Amino acid sequence: MAALLVILAGISWGLLGVFLRQLLAADITPMEVCALRNGGTAIILGIVLGVWRPRLLRIRWRDLWCFLGGGCISVLLFNYCYFLTLQRTSIGIAVILLYTSPIFIAILSRILFQEPFTRQKSLALLMMFAGCALVSGIAEGKPTLSPAGILIGLASGFCYALYTIFGRFAQKRGYSTASITFWNFLCAALASCALPRWDFIAHAFGQQPMLWLWCTALVGISTILPYCCYTAGLARMEASRAAVLVAIEPLVATLAGIVFYHERLSLAVIGGIILVLTAILVLQMPRKTP
């Protein structure tokens, strides 16, 4: 059951690009989609926690920096960079660039928490870079994504990695996963709420009622549902196994792009996807003890 929950989380995250593109097609900007996603998630989580366990909403103000970092830098910038990448390239390529995050986590953990950077991690890093080169088309001399697009995609992976780093600091201060998630999304929502054209969004949603469905799906199916499933599954299995199972996300995202948007993949891109997924598996393999 735990494995099925984690796999369901990966599938739900993999569908995010489908819902996102429906909103972008209505001329809603990536930052405005961020505000809608972050705000909707914060409101729903706030209501659920307020009814279920109000004590989880409490924080110490001296720890606010953990949530400002996790919300404004990780959640907000991650979403913005990821959505920009989805605008510039296929869903599959955007997700693969996002999945460079485990390498950034390994590097940052070495710097901040003195975790060892092993040969295993070095091999995964090389495979990750090779996979990204194939996915981008640079290796073939036929780039499918501009250098700026590649950097934005890698930035989404870096910001996503920072979510784990800030989350680790918050966990060391005794906060639960539910508290961390709520406050991160609340800070992200507050940071982005002043930027969107709310009058334009209200008009667009009034003229196109289907946008309500896509926005609800973005918040419910690709944000809250996978978070709940992944957290529940993670509580019943090893983190390394969960990380491997949730790597079904790039496959689902790639298939979704093919089915819904008729995106085509070259052999080089397929090879790059396989390399990145293999790097993730290598990174999660247990180290041999002497």
Protein backbone atom coordinates (compact mmCIF):
# COMPACT_ATOMS: atom_id res chain seq x y z
CA MET A 1 0.00 0.00 0.00
CA ALA A 2 2.83 2.42 0.87
CA ALA A 3 4.47 1.84 -2.53
CA LEU A 4 1.19 2.51 -4.32
CA LEU A 5 0.78 5.81 -2.44
CA VAL A 6 4.26 6.98 -3.46
CA ILE A 7 3.68 5.92 -7.08
CA LEU A 8 0.35 7.79 -7.06
CA ALA A 9 2.21 10.89 -5.84
CA GLY A 10 4.65 10.61 -8.74
CA ILE A 11 1.81 10.23 -11.23
CA SER A 12 0.00 13.25 -9.79
CA TRP A 13 3.12 15.42 -9.98
CA GLY A 14 3.73 14.20 -13.51
CA LEU A 15 0.35 15.57 -14.63
CA LEU A 16 1.14 19.09 -13.41
CA GLY A 17 2.33 20.26 -16.82
CA VAL A 18 -1.00 19.34 -18.43
CA PHE A 19 -3.02 21.52 -16.05
CA LEU A 20 -0.45 24.30 -16.16
CA ARG A 21 -0.49 24.64 -19.93
CA GLN A 22 -4.26 25.03 -19.92
CA LEU A 23 -3.87 28.06 -17.66
CA LEU A 24 -0.95 29.48 -19.65
CA ALA A 25 -3.02 29.15 -22.84
CA ALA A 26 -5.45 31.69 -21.33
CA ASP A 27 -2.60 34.26 -21.18
CA ILE A 28 -2.16 33.81 -17.44
CA THR A 29 1.53 34.33 -16.72
CA PRO A 30 3.77 31.82 -14.90
CA MET A 31 3.97 34.10 -11.85
CA GLU A 32 0.18 34.40 -11.76
CA VAL A 33 -0.13 30.62 -11.90
CA CYS A 34 2.35 30.47 -8.99
CA ALA A 35 0.13 32.82 -6.99
CA LEU A 36 -2.97 30.73 -7.73
CA ARG A 37 -1.26 27.44 -6.87
CA ASN A 38 0.48 28.68 -3.73
CA GLY A 39 -2.54 30.63 -2.49
CA GLY A 40 -5.00 27.82 -3.09
CA THR A 41 -2.74 25.29 -1.38
CA ALA A 42 -2.13 27.55 1.64
CA ILE A 43 -5.85 28.23 2.09
CA ILE A 44 -6.86 24.56 1.90
CA LEU A 45 -4.03 23.36 4.14
CA GLY A 46 -4.76 26.18 6.61
CA ILE A 47 -8.42 25.18 6.86
CA VAL A 48 -7.60 21.46 7.23
CA LEU A 49 -4.95 22.03 9.90
CA GLY A 50 -7.09 24.62 11.67
CA VAL A 51 -9.88 22.06 12.05
CA TRP A 52 -7.74 18.96 12.51
CA ARG A 53 -4.72 20.09 14.54
CA PRO A 54 -4.58 23.83 15.22
CA ARG A 55 -1.37 23.48 17.21
CA LEU A 56 0.49 22.65 13.98
CA LEU A 57 -0.15 26.21 12.79
CA ARG A 58 1.99 27.66 15.58
CA ILE A 59 5.59 28.65 15.02
CA ARG A 60 8.28 30.54 16.93
CA TRP A 61 8.96 33.86 15.23
CA ARG A 62 12.71 33.39 15.55
CA ASP A 63 12.33 30.42 13.19
CA LEU A 64 10.44 32.41 10.56
CA TRP A 65 13.55 32.59 8.34
CA CYS A 66 13.26 28.85 7.67
CA PHE A 67 9.81 29.32 6.17
CA LEU A 68 10.64 32.56 4.38
CA GLY A 69 13.55 30.74 2.74
CA GLY A 70 11.54 27.62 2.03
CA GLY A 71 8.54 29.58 0.76
CA CYS A 72 9.98 32.55 -1.10
CA ILE A 73 13.17 30.97 -2.44
CA SER A 74 12.22 27.32 -2.77
CA VAL A 75 8.48 27.12 -3.46
CA LEU A 76 7.97 30.44 -5.27
CA LEU A 77 11.16 30.55 -7.35
CA PHE A 78 11.02 26.81 -8.02
CA ASN A 79 7.48 27.11 -9.37
CA TYR A 80 8.30 30.20 -11.40
CA CYS A 81 11.43 28.71 -13.01
CA TYR A 82 9.71 25.39 -13.64
CA PHE A 83 6.67 27.03 -15.24
CA LEU A 84 8.93 29.20 -17.42
CA THR A 85 10.75 26.07 -18.56
CA LEU A 86 7.45 24.41 -19.41
CA GLN A 87 6.65 27.44 -21.56
CA ARG A 88 9.90 27.06 -23.50
CA THR A 89 10.16 23.32 -24.02
CA SER A 90 8.36 19.99 -23.75
CA ILE A 91 6.92 18.70 -20.49
CA GLY A 92 9.35 15.76 -20.43
CA ILE A 93 12.47 17.91 -20.83
CA ALA A 94 11.28 20.39 -18.17
CA VAL A 95 10.75 17.59 -15.65
CA ILE A 96 14.15 16.03 -16.40
CA LEU A 97 15.90 19.36 -15.77
CA LEU A 98 13.93 19.63 -12.53
CA TYR A 99 15.15 16.17 -11.53
CA THR A 100 18.72 17.42 -11.25
CA SER A 101 17.65 18.46 -7.74
CA PRO A 102 19.08 15.32 -5.98
CA ILE A 103 22.56 16.30 -7.12
CA PHE A 104 22.14 19.85 -5.81
CA ILE A 105 20.89 18.37 -2.53
CA ALA A 106 24.00 16.18 -2.30
CA ILE A 107 26.31 19.16 -2.95
CA LEU A 108 24.53 21.49 -0.52
CA SER A 109 24.36 18.78 2.14
CA ARG A 110 28.11 18.38 1.83
CA ILE A 111 28.64 22.12 2.34
CA LEU A 112 26.03 22.75 5.05
CA PHE A 113 25.79 19.43 6.92
CA GLN A 114 29.23 17.91 6.20
CA GLU A 115 27.67 14.87 4.55
CA PRO A 116 30.28 12.90 2.53
CA PHE A 117 30.41 13.39 -1.26
CA THR A 118 31.18 9.84 -2.34
CA ARG A 119 32.28 8.28 -5.63
CA GLN A 120 28.70 7.14 -5.99
CA LYS A 121 27.49 10.75 -5.89
CA SER A 122 30.25 11.82 -8.29
CA LEU A 123 29.18 9.14 -10.78
CA ALA A 124 25.56 10.23 -10.45
CA LEU A 125 26.60 13.85 -11.05
CA LEU A 126 28.43 12.96 -14.28
CA MET A 127 25.49 10.89 -15.51
CA MET A 128 23.12 13.72 -14.65
CA PHE A 129 25.11 16.27 -16.65
CA ALA A 130 25.45 13.88 -19.60
CA GLY A 131 21.71 13.22 -19.51
CA CYS A 132 20.92 16.94 -19.43
CA ALA A 133 23.25 17.53 -22.40
CA LEU A 134 21.39 14.88 -24.42
CA VAL A 135 17.97 16.16 -23.36
CA SER A 136 18.85 19.74 -24.32
CA GLY A 137 20.07 18.68 -27.79
CA ILE A 138 23.50 20.26 -27.31
CA ALA A 139 25.28 16.93 -27.75
CA GLU A 140 23.71 16.54 -31.23
CA GLY A 141 24.36 20.14 -32.23
CA LYS A 142 20.58 20.60 -32.48
CA PRO A 143 19.59 22.38 -29.28
CA THR A 144 15.91 21.98 -28.39
CA LEU A 145 16.34 24.53 -25.62
CA SER A 146 18.32 27.77 -25.50
CA PRO A 147 21.17 28.23 -23.00
CA ALA A 148 18.88 30.56 -21.04
CA GLY A 149 16.18 27.89 -21.04
CA ILE A 150 18.63 25.28 -19.79
CA LEU A 151 19.77 27.59 -16.99
CA ILE A 152 16.17 28.32 -15.98
CA GLY A 153 15.43 24.59 -15.97
CA LEU A 154 18.48 23.86 -13.83
CA ALA A 155 17.47 26.77 -11.56
CA SER A 156 14.14 25.01 -10.98
CA GLY A 157 16.09 21.94 -9.84
CA PHE A 158 18.34 24.03 -7.60
CA CYS A 159 15.41 25.87 -5.97
CA TYR A 160 13.58 22.57 -5.52
CA ALA A 161 16.67 21.20 -3.78
CA LEU A 162 16.63 24.17 -1.40
CA TYR A 163 13.18 23.07 -0.22
CA THR A 164 14.82 20.00 1.32
CA ILE A 165 17.63 22.08 2.83
CA PHE A 166 15.34 24.66 4.47
CA GLY A 167 13.02 21.83 5.49
CA ARG A 168 15.86 20.08 7.24
CA PHE A 169 16.66 23.21 9.25
CA ALA A 170 12.96 23.47 10.22
CA GLN A 171 12.79 19.78 11.17
CA LYS A 172 15.79 20.22 13.46
CA ARG A 173 13.77 22.90 15.24
CA GLY A 174 10.98 20.41 15.92
CA TYR A 175 8.43 21.29 13.22
CA SER A 176 6.28 18.61 11.57
CA THR A 177 6.05 18.09 7.82
CA ALA A 178 2.49 19.49 7.79
CA SER A 179 3.58 22.69 9.60
CA ILE A 180 6.56 23.17 7.29
CA THR A 181 4.45 22.68 4.17
CA PHE A 182 1.72 25.08 5.28
CA TRP A 183 4.07 27.88 6.28
CA ASN A 184 6.20 27.46 3.16
CA PHE A 185 3.16 27.76 0.90
CA LEU A 186 1.74 30.63 2.96
CA CYS A 187 4.99 32.62 2.67
CA ALA A 188 5.15 31.84 -1.06
CA ALA A 189 1.53 32.94 -1.51
CA LEU A 190 2.06 36.22 0.37
CA ALA A 191 5.23 36.94 -1.62
CA SER A 192 3.46 36.45 -4.95
CA CYS A 193 -0.04 37.81 -4.27
CA ALA A 194 0.90 41.43 -5.04
CA LEU A 195 2.30 40.62 -8.50
CA PRO A 196 -0.59 39.08 -10.52
CA ARG A 197 -3.19 41.02 -12.50
CA TRP A 198 -6.13 39.96 -10.34
CA ASP A 199 -8.64 41.92 -12.45
CA PHE A 200 -7.46 40.12 -15.59
CA ILE A 201 -7.52 36.72 -13.84
CA ALA A 202 -11.07 37.34 -12.56
CA HIS A 203 -12.17 38.32 -16.07
CA ALA A 204 -10.48 35.27 -17.62
CA PHE A 205 -12.07 32.89 -15.13
CA GLY A 206 -15.44 34.54 -15.72
CA GLN A 207 -15.16 34.20 -19.49
CA GLN A 208 -13.69 30.66 -19.41
CA PRO A 209 -15.32 28.58 -16.64
CA MET A 210 -13.05 25.61 -17.50
CA LEU A 211 -10.17 27.54 -15.94
CA TRP A 212 -11.74 26.85 -12.55
CA LEU A 213 -11.43 23.14 -13.29
CA TRP A 214 -7.78 23.39 -14.37
CA CYS A 215 -6.86 25.54 -11.38
CA THR A 216 -8.63 23.15 -9.00
CA ALA A 217 -6.82 20.21 -10.62
CA LEU A 218 -3.48 22.04 -10.31
CA VAL A 219 -4.00 22.62 -6.58
CA GLY A 220 -5.84 19.42 -5.70
CA ILE A 221 -4.42 16.75 -8.01
CA SER A 222 -0.87 18.03 -8.57
CA THR A 223 -0.15 19.70 -5.21
CA ILE A 224 -2.19 18.58 -2.20
CA LEU A 225 -2.92 14.98 -3.29
CA PRO A 226 0.71 14.03 -4.09
CA TYR A 227 1.96 15.71 -0.92
CA CYS A 228 -0.48 13.69 1.21
CA CYS A 229 0.21 10.44 -0.64
CA TYR A 230 3.99 10.87 -0.57
CA THR A 231 4.03 11.77 3.12
CA ALA A 232 1.78 8.82 4.01
CA GLY A 233 3.88 6.42 1.94
CA LEU A 234 7.15 7.79 3.27
CA ALA A 235 6.02 7.08 6.83
CA ARG A 236 5.81 3.36 5.96
CA MET A 237 8.97 2.81 3.90
CA GLU A 238 12.62 3.81 3.56
CA ALA A 239 13.25 7.27 2.13
CA SER A 240 15.64 5.85 -0.49
CA ARG A 241 12.99 3.46 -1.83
CA ALA A 242 10.37 6.21 -1.90
CA ALA A 243 12.74 8.46 -3.86
CA VAL A 244 13.18 5.73 -6.47
CA LEU A 245 9.45 5.01 -6.79
CA VAL A 246 8.48 8.68 -7.13
CA ALA A 247 10.91 8.92 -10.06
CA ILE A 248 8.00 7.68 -12.16
CA GLU A 249 7.11 11.38 -12.45
CA PRO A 250 9.35 12.11 -15.49
CA LEU A 251 7.93 9.09 -17.32
CA VAL A 252 4.34 10.21 -16.63
CA ALA A 253 5.16 13.80 -17.63
CA THR A 254 6.77 12.64 -20.88
CA LEU A 255 3.82 10.40 -21.75
CA ALA A 256 1.38 13.20 -20.87
CA GLY A 257 3.20 15.54 -23.26
CA ILE A 258 3.00 12.94 -26.03
CA VAL A 259 -0.68 12.12 -25.44
CA PHE A 260 -2.07 15.61 -24.81
CA TYR A 261 0.29 17.82 -26.85
CA HIS A 262 1.75 15.41 -29.42
CA GLU A 263 5.30 16.15 -28.31
CA ARG A 264 7.99 14.14 -30.07
CA LEU A 265 11.13 12.71 -28.52
CA SER A 266 14.34 11.93 -30.38
CA LEU A 267 16.53 8.96 -29.51
CA ALA A 268 19.03 11.36 -27.91
CA VAL A 269 16.34 12.83 -25.64
CA ILE A 270 15.15 9.34 -24.68
CA GLY A 271 18.77 8.41 -23.91
CA GLY A 272 19.14 11.53 -21.78
CA ILE A 273 15.99 10.72 -19.83
CA ILE A 274 17.30 7.19 -19.18
CA LEU A 275 20.65 8.59 -18.02
CA VAL A 276 19.02 11.01 -15.57
CA LEU A 277 16.73 8.32 -14.16
CA THR A 278 19.70 5.95 -13.84
CA ALA A 279 21.64 8.66 -12.00
CA ILE A 280 18.76 8.96 -9.54
CA LEU A 281 18.84 5.19 -8.98
CA VAL A 282 22.62 5.27 -8.47
CA LEU A 283 22.23 8.09 -5.97
CA GLN A 284 19.69 6.07 -3.97
CA MET A 285 21.68 2.81 -3.89
CA PRO A 286 22.94 1.92 -0.41
CA ARG A 287 26.65 2.45 0.12
CA LYS A 288 28.81 -0.58 0.79
CA THR A 289 30.31 -0.61 4.24
CA PRO A 290 33.89 -1.90 4.60
